[in-house]
Amino acid sequence: MKAAFALAALLCTAASATVLADPQSHVVTISDFVYKPEKLTVAVGDTVRFENKDDVGHTVTAKDGSFDSQNIDTGKSWTYTFSTAGTYEYFCTVHPSMKGSVTAQ
């Protein structure tokens, strides 16, 4: 009986230690044909809003095909939630020299 109680107390303590932080929101600005910041680290579950401040449309397209914003017009934005850990490299399909990455951990 004492062993069962001790085990239950240990499990409760372990469970409370694994409480995750609330998801956060981050912003990547697209201006002067550059993603700013070019590299971003977020927690799994966080959301990134890509805001186009340039005079032309751009995309945010993952190299691995996991996401694609389609065209984001000037003054518009697109949001993506990173639900799986990993490094996601992306580029603009209209201007392939534009590159960035998000690392979700």
PDB file of N, CA and C in Angstrom:
ATOM      1  N   MET A   1       0.824  -1.192   0.000  1.00  0.00           N
ATOM      2  CA  MET A   1       0.000   0.000   0.000  1.00  0.00           C
ATOM      3  C   MET A   1       0.873   1.262   0.000  1.00  0.00           C
ATOM      4  N   LYS A   2       1.901   1.269   0.865  1.00  0.00           N
ATOM      5  CA  LYS A   2       2.790   2.429   0.891  1.00  0.00           C
ATOM      6  C   LYS A   2       3.500   2.592  -0.449  1.00  0.00           C
ATOM      7  N   ALA A   3       3.878   1.485  -1.066  1.00  0.00           N
ATOM      8  CA  ALA A   3       4.573   1.540  -2.355  1.00  0.00           C
ATOM      9  C   ALA A   3       3.659   2.128  -3.427  1.00  0.00           C
ATOM     10  N   ALA A   4       2.393   1.748  -3.409  1.00  0.00           N
ATOM     11  CA  ALA A   4       1.442   2.268  -4.392  1.00  0.00           C
ATOM     12  C   ALA A   4       1.249   3.768  -4.207  1.00  0.00           C
ATOM     13  N   PHE A   5       1.153   4.202  -2.953  1.00  0.00           N
ATOM     14  CA  PHE A   5       0.995   5.634  -2.666  1.00  0.00           C
ATOM     15  C   PHE A   5       2.236   6.410  -3.110  1.00  0.00           C
ATOM     16  N   ALA A   6       3.409   5.869  -2.850  1.00  0.00           N
ATOM     17  CA  ALA A   6       4.657   6.526  -3.243  1.00  0.00           C
ATOM     18  C   ALA A   6       4.742   6.624  -4.771  1.00  0.00           C
ATOM     19  N   LEU A   7       4.335   5.563  -5.464  1.00  0.00           N
ATOM     20  CA  LEU A   7       4.354   5.572  -6.918  1.00  0.00           C
ATOM     21  C   LEU A   7       3.387   6.625  -7.466  1.00  0.00           C
ATOM     22  N   ALA A   8       2.208   6.710  -6.890  1.00  0.00           N
ATOM     23  CA  ALA A   8       1.220   7.700  -7.330  1.00  0.00           C
ATOM     24  C   ALA A   8       1.750   9.114  -7.118  1.00  0.00           C
ATOM     25  N   ALA A   9       2.389   9.368  -5.987  1.00  0.00           N
ATOM     26  CA  ALA A   9       2.952  10.693  -5.704  1.00  0.00           C
ATOM     27  C   ALA A   9       4.064  11.019  -6.691  1.00  0.00           C
ATOM     28  N   LEU A  10       4.886  10.035  -7.020  1.00  0.00           N
ATOM     29  CA  LEU A  10       5.971  10.244  -7.967  1.00  0.00           C
ATOM     30  C   LEU A  10       5.421  10.569  -9.351  1.00  0.00           C
ATOM     31  N   LEU A  11       4.391   9.862  -9.789  1.00  0.00           N
ATOM     32  CA  LEU A  11       3.792  10.110 -11.094  1.00  0.00           C
ATOM     33  C   LEU A  11       3.171  11.499 -11.168  1.00  0.00           C
ATOM     34  N   CYS A  12       2.530  11.937 -10.118  1.00  0.00           N
ATOM     35  CA  CYS A  12       1.937  13.278 -10.088  1.00  0.00           C
ATOM     36  C   CYS A  12       3.020  14.346 -10.185  1.00  0.00           C
ATOM     37  N   THR A  13       4.123  14.135  -9.496  1.00  0.00           N
ATOM     38  CA  THR A  13       5.231  15.084  -9.543  1.00  0.00           C
ATOM     39  C   THR A  13       5.824  15.133 -10.941  1.00  0.00           C
ATOM     40  N   ALA A  14       6.018  13.981 -11.564  1.00  0.00           N
ATOM     41  CA  ALA A  14       6.577  13.929 -12.914  1.00  0.00           C
ATOM     42  C   ALA A  14       5.640  14.594 -13.908  1.00  0.00           C
ATOM     43  N   ALA A  15       4.357  14.388 -13.760  1.00  0.00           N
ATOM     44  CA  ALA A  15       3.394  14.979 -14.688  1.00  0.00           C
ATOM     45  C   ALA A  15       3.410  16.501 -14.601  1.00  0.00           C
ATOM     46  N   SER A  16       3.533  17.042 -13.405  1.00  0.00           N
ATOM     47  CA  SER A  16       3.533  18.496 -13.262  1.00  0.00           C
ATOM     48  C   SER A  16       4.816  19.105 -13.793  1.00  0.00           C
ATOM     49  N   ALA A  17       5.883  18.337 -13.870  1.00  0.00           N
ATOM     50  CA  ALA A  17       7.150  18.853 -14.388  1.00  0.00           C
ATOM     51  C   ALA A  17       7.157  18.943 -15.907  1.00  0.00           C
ATOM     52  N   THR A  18       6.201  18.305 -16.572  1.00  0.00           N
ATOM     53  CA  THR A  18       6.191  18.308 -18.033  1.00  0.00           C
ATOM     54  C   THR A  18       5.160  19.266 -18.616  1.00  0.00           C
ATOM     55  N   VAL A  19       4.689  20.205 -17.823  1.00  0.00           N
ATOM     56  CA  VAL A  19       3.724  21.186 -18.314  1.00  0.00           C
ATOM     57  C   VAL A  19       4.401  22.042 -19.384  1.00  0.00           C
ATOM     58  N   LEU A  20       3.758  22.165 -20.533  1.00  0.00           N
ATOM     59  CA  LEU A  20       4.319  22.933 -21.633  1.00  0.00           C
ATOM     60  C   LEU A  20       3.863  24.382 -21.572  1.00  0.00           C
ATOM     61  N   ALA A  21       4.713  25.268 -22.084  1.00  0.00           N
ATOM     62  CA  ALA A  21       4.368  26.684 -22.146  1.00  0.00           C
ATOM     63  C   ALA A  21       3.280  26.895 -23.192  1.00  0.00           C
ATOM     64  N   ASP A  22       2.529  27.970 -23.032  1.00  0.00           N
ATOM     65  CA  ASP A  22       1.511  28.313 -24.025  1.00  0.00           C
ATOM     66  C   ASP A  22       2.187  28.627 -25.354  1.00  0.00           C
ATOM     67  N   PRO A  23       1.555  28.254 -26.458  1.00  0.00           N
ATOM     68  CA  PRO A  23       2.130  28.575 -27.770  1.00  0.00           C
ATOM     69  C   PRO A  23       2.311  30.080 -27.929  1.00  0.00           C
ATOM     70  N   GLN A  24       3.368  30.453 -28.607  1.00  0.00           N
ATOM     71  CA  GLN A  24       3.692  31.857 -28.841  1.00  0.00           C
ATOM     72  C   GLN A  24       3.485  32.202 -30.315  1.00  0.00           C
ATOM     73  N   SER A  25       3.407  33.489 -30.591  1.00  0.00           N
ATOM     74  CA  SER A  25       3.276  33.975 -31.954  1.00  0.00           C
ATOM     75  C   SER A  25       4.524  34.782 -32.303  1.00  0.00           C
ATOM     76  N   HIS A  26       5.050  34.563 -33.502  1.00  0.00           N
ATOM     77  CA  HIS A  26       6.255  35.245 -33.972  1.00  0.00           C
ATOM     78  C   HIS A  26       5.940  35.895 -35.317  1.00  0.00           C
ATOM     79  N   VAL A  27       6.760  36.871 -35.702  1.00  0.00           N
ATOM     80  CA  VAL A  27       6.558  37.563 -36.972  1.00  0.00           C
ATOM     81  C   VAL A  27       7.844  37.535 -37.782  1.00  0.00           C
ATOM     82  N   VAL A  28       7.710  37.188 -39.051  1.00  0.00           N
ATOM     83  CA  VAL A  28       8.789  37.340 -40.023  1.00  0.00           C
ATOM     84  C   VAL A  28       8.292  38.378 -41.021  1.00  0.00           C
ATOM     85  N   THR A  29       9.056  39.448 -41.172  1.00  0.00           N
ATOM     86  CA  THR A  29       8.707  40.514 -42.110  1.00  0.00           C
ATOM     87  C   THR A  29       9.411  40.255 -43.435  1.00  0.00           C
ATOM     88  N   ILE A  30       8.693  40.437 -44.510  1.00  0.00           N
ATOM     89  CA  ILE A  30       9.272  40.330 -45.848  1.00  0.00           C
ATOM     90  C   ILE A  30       9.417  41.755 -46.374  1.00  0.00           C
ATOM     91  N   SER A  31      10.668  42.209 -46.521  1.00  0.00           N
ATOM     92  CA  SER A  31      10.913  43.545 -47.060  1.00  0.00           C
ATOM     93  C   SER A  31      12.284  43.580 -47.720  1.00  0.00           C
ATOM     94  N   ASP A  32      12.394  44.417 -48.739  1.00  0.00           N
ATOM     95  CA  ASP A  32      13.638  44.521 -49.507  1.00  0.00           C
ATOM     96  C   ASP A  32      14.098  43.159 -50.026  1.00  0.00           C
ATOM     97  N   PHE A  33      13.123  42.303 -50.378  1.00  0.00           N
ATOM     98  CA  PHE A  33      13.388  40.977 -50.935  1.00  0.00           C
ATOM     99  C   PHE A  33      14.189  40.097 -49.972  1.00  0.00           C
ATOM    100  N   VAL A  34      13.908  40.251 -48.665  1.00  0.00           N
ATOM    101  CA  VAL A  34      14.573  39.470 -47.614  1.00  0.00           C
ATOM    102  C   VAL A  34      13.536  39.106 -46.551  1.00  0.00           C
ATOM    103  N   TYR A  35      13.653  37.878 -46.007  1.00  0.00           N
ATOM    104  CA  TYR A  35      12.864  37.472 -44.846  1.00  0.00           C
ATOM    105  C   TYR A  35      13.617  37.950 -43.608  1.00  0.00           C
ATOM    106  N   LYS A  36      12.934  38.679 -42.708  1.00  0.00           N
ATOM    107  CA  LYS A  36      13.587  39.215 -41.508  1.00  0.00           C
ATOM    108  C   LYS A  36      12.831  38.788 -40.263  1.00  0.00           C
ATOM    109  N   PRO A  37      13.419  37.995 -39.366  1.00  0.00           N
ATOM    110  CA  PRO A  37      14.760  37.442 -39.453  1.00  0.00           C
ATOM    111  C   PRO A  37      14.828  36.305 -40.467  1.00  0.00           C
ATOM    112  N   GLU A  38      16.032  36.090 -40.979  1.00  0.00           N
ATOM    113  CA  GLU A  38      16.230  35.029 -41.970  1.00  0.00           C
ATOM    114  C   GLU A  38      16.159  33.658 -41.315  1.00  0.00           C
ATOM    115  N   LYS A  39      16.637  33.566 -40.069  1.00  0.00           N
ATOM    116  CA  LYS A  39      16.576  32.318 -39.302  1.00  0.00           C
ATOM    117  C   LYS A  39      15.846  32.597 -37.995  1.00  0.00           C
ATOM    118  N   LEU A  40      14.925  31.702 -37.660  1.00  0.00           N
ATOM    119  CA  LEU A  40      14.103  31.873 -36.466  1.00  0.00           C
ATOM    120  C   LEU A  40      13.979  30.537 -35.763  1.00  0.00           C
ATOM    121  N   THR A  41      14.079  30.549 -34.434  1.00  0.00           N
ATOM    122  CA  THR A  41      13.869  29.339 -33.630  1.00  0.00           C
ATOM    123  C   THR A  41      12.616  29.543 -32.792  1.00  0.00           C
ATOM    124  N   VAL A  42      11.714  28.543 -32.850  1.00  0.00           N
ATOM    125  CA  VAL A  42      10.445  28.610 -32.128  1.00  0.00           C
ATOM    126  C   VAL A  42      10.241  27.295 -31.381  1.00  0.00           C
ATOM    127  N   ALA A  43       9.267  27.270 -30.509  1.00  0.00           N
ATOM    128  CA  ALA A  43       8.870  26.030 -29.830  1.00  0.00           C
ATOM    129  C   ALA A  43       7.832  25.318 -30.700  1.00  0.00           C
ATOM    130  N   VAL A  44       7.810  24.008 -30.612  1.00  0.00           N
ATOM    131  CA  VAL A  44       6.774  23.244 -31.311  1.00  0.00           C
ATOM    132  C   VAL A  44       5.415  23.752 -30.846  1.00  0.00           C
ATOM    133  N   GLY A  45       4.532  24.016 -31.774  1.00  0.00           N
ATOM    134  CA  GLY A  45       3.208  24.559 -31.465  1.00  0.00           C
ATOM    135  C   GLY A  45       3.109  26.058 -31.656  1.00  0.00           C
ATOM    136  N   ASP A  46       4.253  26.731 -31.815  1.00  0.00           N
ATOM    137  CA  ASP A  46       4.241  28.174 -32.035  1.00  0.00           C
ATOM    138  C   ASP A  46       3.789  28.498 -33.458  1.00  0.00           C
ATOM    139  N   THR A  47       3.288  29.710 -33.618  1.00  0.00           N
ATOM    140  CA  THR A  47       2.798  30.196 -34.901  1.00  0.00           C
ATOM    141  C   THR A  47       3.710  31.306 -35.403  1.00  0.00           C
ATOM    142  N   VAL A  48       3.956  31.313 -36.705  1.00  0.00           N
ATOM    143  CA  VAL A  48       4.739  32.380 -37.332  1.00  0.00           C
ATOM    144  C   VAL A  48       3.858  33.062 -38.373  1.00  0.00           C
ATOM    145  N   ARG A  49       3.780  34.388 -38.280  1.00  0.00           N
ATOM    146  CA  ARG A  49       3.050  35.183 -39.260  1.00  0.00           C
ATOM    147  C   ARG A  49       4.074  35.846 -40.173  1.00  0.00           C
ATOM    148  N   PHE A  50       3.946  35.615 -41.462  1.00  0.00           N
ATOM    149  CA  PHE A  50       4.825  36.190 -42.467  1.00  0.00           C
ATOM    150  C   PHE A  50       4.101  37.398 -43.056  1.00  0.00           C
ATOM    151  N   GLU A  51       4.653  38.602 -42.850  1.00  0.00           N
ATOM    152  CA  GLU A  51       4.019  39.851 -43.283  1.00  0.00           C
ATOM    153  C   GLU A  51       4.785  40.433 -44.464  1.00  0.00           C
ATOM    154  N   ASN A  52       4.095  40.638 -45.590  1.00  0.00           N
ATOM    155  CA  ASN A  52       4.739  41.180 -46.781  1.00  0.00           C
ATOM    156  C   ASN A  52       4.678  42.705 -46.773  1.00  0.00           C
ATOM    157  N   LYS A  53       5.839  43.325 -46.569  1.00  0.00           N
ATOM    158  CA  LYS A  53       5.954  44.790 -46.566  1.00  0.00           C
ATOM    159  C   LYS A  53       6.626  45.284 -47.849  1.00  0.00           C
ATOM    160  N   ASP A  54       6.843  44.376 -48.796  1.00  0.00           N
ATOM    161  CA  ASP A  54       7.472  44.731 -50.061  1.00  0.00           C
ATOM    162  C   ASP A  54       6.440  45.283 -51.032  1.00  0.00           C
ATOM    163  N   ASP A  55       6.936  45.800 -52.168  1.00  0.00           N
ATOM    164  CA  ASP A  55       6.061  46.367 -53.200  1.00  0.00           C
ATOM    165  C   ASP A  55       5.524  45.312 -54.165  1.00  0.00           C
ATOM    166  N   VAL A  56       5.961  44.064 -54.015  1.00  0.00           N
ATOM    167  CA  VAL A  56       5.544  42.973 -54.894  1.00  0.00           C
ATOM    168  C   VAL A  56       5.159  41.758 -54.061  1.00  0.00           C
ATOM    169  N   GLY A  57       4.466  40.821 -54.684  1.00  0.00           N
ATOM    170  CA  GLY A  57       4.066  39.603 -54.001  1.00  0.00           C
ATOM    171  C   GLY A  57       5.224  38.637 -53.804  1.00  0.00           C
ATOM    172  N   HIS A  58       5.125  37.822 -52.764  1.00  0.00           N
ATOM    173  CA  HIS A  58       6.120  36.804 -52.448  1.00  0.00           C
ATOM    174  C   HIS A  58       5.399  35.558 -51.948  1.00  0.00           C
ATOM    175  N   THR A  59       6.128  34.448 -51.893  1.00  0.00           N
ATOM    176  CA  THR A  59       5.600  33.234 -51.274  1.00  0.00           C
ATOM    177  C   THR A  59       6.522  32.812 -50.140  1.00  0.00           C
ATOM    178  N   VAL A  60       6.007  31.940 -49.303  1.00  0.00           N
ATOM    179  CA  VAL A  60       6.788  31.255 -48.276  1.00  0.00           C
ATOM    180  C   VAL A  60       6.544  29.775 -48.549  1.00  0.00           C
ATOM    181  N   THR A  61       7.523  29.140 -49.184  1.00  0.00           N
ATOM    182  CA  THR A  61       7.356  27.775 -49.670  1.00  0.00           C
ATOM    183  C   THR A  61       8.447  26.880 -49.095  1.00  0.00           C
ATOM    184  N   ALA A  62       8.055  25.846 -48.365  1.00  0.00           N
ATOM    185  CA  ALA A  62       9.021  24.932 -47.754  1.00  0.00           C
ATOM    186  C   ALA A  62       9.745  24.128 -48.822  1.00  0.00           C
ATOM    187  N   LYS A  63      11.064  23.978 -48.663  1.00  0.00           N
ATOM    188  CA  LYS A  63      11.846  23.173 -49.607  1.00  0.00           C
ATOM    189  C   LYS A  63      11.353  21.736 -49.636  1.00  0.00           C
ATOM    190  N   ASP A  64      10.884  21.227 -48.484  1.00  0.00           N
ATOM    191  CA  ASP A  64      10.424  19.828 -48.416  1.00  0.00           C
ATOM    192  C   ASP A  64       8.957  19.674 -48.809  1.00  0.00           C
ATOM    193  N   GLY A  65       8.301  20.772 -49.200  1.00  0.00           N
ATOM    194  CA  GLY A  65       6.911  20.704 -49.642  1.00  0.00           C
ATOM    195  C   GLY A  65       5.880  20.655 -48.520  1.00  0.00           C
ATOM    196  N   SER A  66       6.310  20.831 -47.269  1.00  0.00           N
ATOM    197  CA  SER A  66       5.376  20.708 -46.141  1.00  0.00           C
ATOM    198  C   SER A  66       4.414  21.889 -46.007  1.00  0.00           C
ATOM    199  N   PHE A  67       4.766  23.044 -46.567  1.00  0.00           N
ATOM    200  CA  PHE A  67       3.837  24.181 -46.571  1.00  0.00           C
ATOM    201  C   PHE A  67       4.129  25.089 -47.760  1.00  0.00           C
ATOM    202  N   ASP A  68       3.103  25.837 -48.151  1.00  0.00           N
ATOM    203  CA  ASP A  68       3.226  26.796 -49.247  1.00  0.00           C
ATOM    204  C   ASP A  68       2.155  27.860 -49.061  1.00  0.00           C
ATOM    205  N   SER A  69       2.596  29.082 -48.913  1.00  0.00           N
ATOM    206  CA  SER A  69       1.666  30.185 -48.660  1.00  0.00           C
ATOM    207  C   SER A  69       0.880  30.598 -49.906  1.00  0.00           C
ATOM    208  N   GLN A  70       1.343  30.202 -51.082  1.00  0.00           N
ATOM    209  CA  GLN A  70       0.875  30.797 -52.331  1.00  0.00           C
ATOM    210  C   GLN A  70       1.308  32.265 -52.306  1.00  0.00           C
ATOM    211  N   ASN A  71       0.830  33.069 -53.231  1.00  0.00           N
ATOM    212  CA  ASN A  71       1.262  34.464 -53.301  1.00  0.00           C
ATOM    213  C   ASN A  71       0.702  35.274 -52.130  1.00  0.00           C
ATOM    214  N   ILE A  72       1.588  36.011 -51.474  1.00  0.00           N
ATOM    215  CA  ILE A  72       1.181  36.938 -50.412  1.00  0.00           C
ATOM    216  C   ILE A  72       1.329  38.336 -50.999  1.00  0.00           C
ATOM    217  N   ASP A  73       0.222  39.003 -51.235  1.00  0.00           N
ATOM    218  CA  ASP A  73       0.257  40.338 -51.822  1.00  0.00           C
ATOM    219  C   ASP A  73       0.835  41.363 -50.848  1.00  0.00           C
ATOM    220  N   THR A  74       1.243  42.497 -51.396  1.00  0.00           N
ATOM    221  CA  THR A  74       1.748  43.612 -50.592  1.00  0.00           C
ATOM    222  C   THR A  74       0.732  43.977 -49.508  1.00  0.00           C
ATOM    223  N   GLY A  75       1.221  44.116 -48.278  1.00  0.00           N
ATOM    224  CA  GLY A  75       0.357  44.493 -47.164  1.00  0.00           C
ATOM    225  C   GLY A  75      -0.438  43.351 -46.561  1.00  0.00           C
ATOM    226  N   LYS A  76      -0.287  42.159 -47.085  1.00  0.00           N
ATOM    227  CA  LYS A  76      -1.004  40.982 -46.568  1.00  0.00           C
ATOM    228  C   LYS A  76      -0.053  40.101 -45.769  1.00  0.00           C
ATOM    229  N   SER A  77      -0.623  39.099 -45.102  1.00  0.00           N
ATOM    230  CA  SER A  77       0.197  38.178 -44.319  1.00  0.00           C
ATOM    231  C   SER A  77      -0.335  36.756 -44.453  1.00  0.00           C
ATOM    232  N   TRP A  78       0.479  35.824 -44.022  1.00  0.00           N
ATOM    233  CA  TRP A  78       0.134  34.402 -44.019  1.00  0.00           C
ATOM    234  C   TRP A  78       0.692  33.809 -42.744  1.00  0.00           C
ATOM    235  N   THR A  79      -0.064  32.905 -42.112  1.00  0.00           N
ATOM    236  CA  THR A  79       0.321  32.327 -40.817  1.00  0.00           C
ATOM    237  C   THR A  79       0.453  30.824 -40.927  1.00  0.00           C
ATOM    238  N   TYR A  80       1.465  30.295 -40.230  1.00  0.00           N
ATOM    239  CA  TYR A  80       1.691  28.849 -40.208  1.00  0.00           C
ATOM    240  C   TYR A  80       2.082  28.432 -38.793  1.00  0.00           C
ATOM    241  N   THR A  81       1.518  27.318 -38.326  1.00  0.00           N
ATOM    242  CA  THR A  81       1.852  26.764 -37.013  1.00  0.00           C
ATOM    243  C   THR A  81       2.791  25.581 -37.199  1.00  0.00           C
ATOM    244  N   PHE A  82       3.926  25.622 -36.514  1.00  0.00           N
ATOM    245  CA  PHE A  82       4.937  24.563 -36.590  1.00  0.00           C
ATOM    246  C   PHE A  82       4.639  23.525 -35.519  1.00  0.00           C
ATOM    247  N   SER A  83       3.963  22.461 -35.914  1.00  0.00           N
ATOM    248  CA  SER A  83       3.482  21.463 -34.965  1.00  0.00           C
ATOM    249  C   SER A  83       4.411  20.264 -34.809  1.00  0.00           C
ATOM    250  N   THR A  84       5.469  20.192 -35.607  1.00  0.00           N
ATOM    251  CA  THR A  84       6.415  19.084 -35.530  1.00  0.00           C
ATOM    252  C   THR A  84       7.828  19.646 -35.446  1.00  0.00           C
ATOM    253  N   ALA A  85       8.648  19.065 -34.578  1.00  0.00           N
ATOM    254  CA  ALA A  85      10.027  19.517 -34.430  1.00  0.00           C
ATOM    255  C   ALA A  85      10.799  19.304 -35.729  1.00  0.00           C
ATOM    256  N   GLY A  86      11.707  20.221 -36.001  1.00  0.00           N
ATOM    257  CA  GLY A  86      12.562  20.106 -37.171  1.00  0.00           C
ATOM    258  C   GLY A  86      12.986  21.468 -37.666  1.00  0.00           C
ATOM    259  N   THR A  87      13.846  21.466 -38.665  1.00  0.00           N
ATOM    260  CA  THR A  87      14.265  22.704 -39.313  1.00  0.00           C
ATOM    261  C   THR A  87      13.599  22.761 -40.675  1.00  0.00           C
ATOM    262  N   TYR A  88      12.893  23.843 -40.918  1.00  0.00           N
ATOM    263  CA  TYR A  88      12.123  24.034 -42.137  1.00  0.00           C
ATOM    264  C   TYR A  88      12.763  25.150 -42.952  1.00  0.00           C
ATOM    265  N   GLU A  89      13.419  24.778 -44.034  1.00  0.00           N
ATOM    266  CA  GLU A  89      13.991  25.764 -44.934  1.00  0.00           C
ATOM    267  C   GLU A  89      12.917  26.159 -45.942  1.00  0.00           C
ATOM    268  N   TYR A  90      12.833  27.447 -46.251  1.00  0.00           N
ATOM    269  CA  TYR A  90      11.822  27.919 -47.183  1.00  0.00           C
ATOM    270  C   TYR A  90      12.411  28.963 -48.117  1.00  0.00           C
ATOM    271  N   PHE A  91      11.671  29.268 -49.185  1.00  0.00           N
ATOM    272  CA  PHE A  91      12.113  30.229 -50.183  1.00  0.00           C
ATOM    273  C   PHE A  91      10.888  30.847 -50.833  1.00  0.00           C
ATOM    274  N   CYS A  92      11.129  31.848 -51.672  1.00  0.00           N
ATOM    275  CA  CYS A  92      10.060  32.487 -52.445  1.00  0.00           C
ATOM    276  C   CYS A  92      10.092  31.893 -53.845  1.00  0.00           C
ATOM    277  N   THR A  93       8.981  31.330 -54.309  1.00  0.00           N
ATOM    278  CA  THR A  93       8.959  30.733 -55.642  1.00  0.00           C
ATOM    279  C   THR A  93       9.069  31.784 -56.746  1.00  0.00           C
ATOM    280  N   VAL A  94       8.699  33.021 -56.447  1.00  0.00           N
ATOM    281  CA  VAL A  94       8.786  34.101 -57.422  1.00  0.00           C
ATOM    282  C   VAL A  94      10.222  34.632 -57.497  1.00  0.00           C
ATOM    283  N   HIS A  95      10.892  34.651 -56.351  1.00  0.00           N
ATOM    284  CA  HIS A  95      12.265  35.169 -56.239  1.00  0.00           C
ATOM    285  C   HIS A  95      13.094  34.130 -55.478  1.00  0.00           C
ATOM    286  N   PRO A  96      13.555  33.065 -56.151  1.00  0.00           N
ATOM    287  CA  PRO A  96      14.207  31.933 -55.473  1.00  0.00           C
ATOM    288  C   PRO A  96      15.465  32.273 -54.681  1.00  0.00           C
ATOM    289  N   SER A  97      16.041  33.454 -54.900  1.00  0.00           N
ATOM    290  CA  SER A  97      17.217  33.829 -54.103  1.00  0.00           C
ATOM    291  C   SER A  97      16.825  34.199 -52.670  1.00  0.00           C
ATOM    292  N   MET A  98      15.543  34.448 -52.434  1.00  0.00           N
ATOM    293  CA  MET A  98      15.061  34.738 -51.076  1.00  0.00           C
ATOM    294  C   MET A  98      14.931  33.420 -50.323  1.00  0.00           C
ATOM    295  N   LYS A  99      15.636  33.317 -49.187  1.00  0.00           N
ATOM    296  CA  LYS A  99      15.632  32.080 -48.404  1.00  0.00           C
ATOM    297  C   LYS A  99      15.560  32.390 -46.922  1.00  0.00           C
ATOM    298  N   GLY A 100      14.975  31.444 -46.184  1.00  0.00           N
ATOM    299  CA  GLY A 100      14.913  31.557 -44.737  1.00  0.00           C
ATOM    300  C   GLY A 100      14.712  30.190 -44.124  1.00  0.00           C
ATOM    301  N   SER A 101      14.699  30.154 -42.794  1.00  0.00           N
ATOM    302  CA  SER A 101      14.434  28.884 -42.117  1.00  0.00           C
ATOM    303  C   SER A 101      13.811  29.124 -40.749  1.00  0.00           C
ATOM    304  N   VAL A 102      13.004  28.155 -40.342  1.00  0.00           N
ATOM    305  CA  VAL A 102      12.440  28.137 -38.993  1.00  0.00           C
ATOM    306  C   VAL A 102      12.818  26.793 -38.391  1.00  0.00           C
ATOM    307  N   THR A 103      13.383  26.845 -37.178  1.00  0.00           N
ATOM    308  CA  THR A 103      13.678  25.623 -36.431  1.00  0.00           C
ATOM    309  C   THR A 103      12.671  25.531 -35.296  1.00  0.00           C
ATOM    310  N   ALA A 104      11.899  24.455 -35.287  1.00  0.00           N
ATOM    311  CA  ALA A 104      10.929  24.208 -34.224  1.00  0.00           C
ATOM    312  C   ALA A 104      11.523  23.141 -33.308  1.00  0.00           C
ATOM    313  N   GLN A 105      11.592  23.447 -32.004  1.00  0.00           N
ATOM    314  CA  GLN A 105      12.173  22.498 -31.048  1.00  0.00           C
ATOM    315  C   GLN A 105      11.359  22.398 -29.783  1.00  0.00           C
TER     316      GLN A 105
END
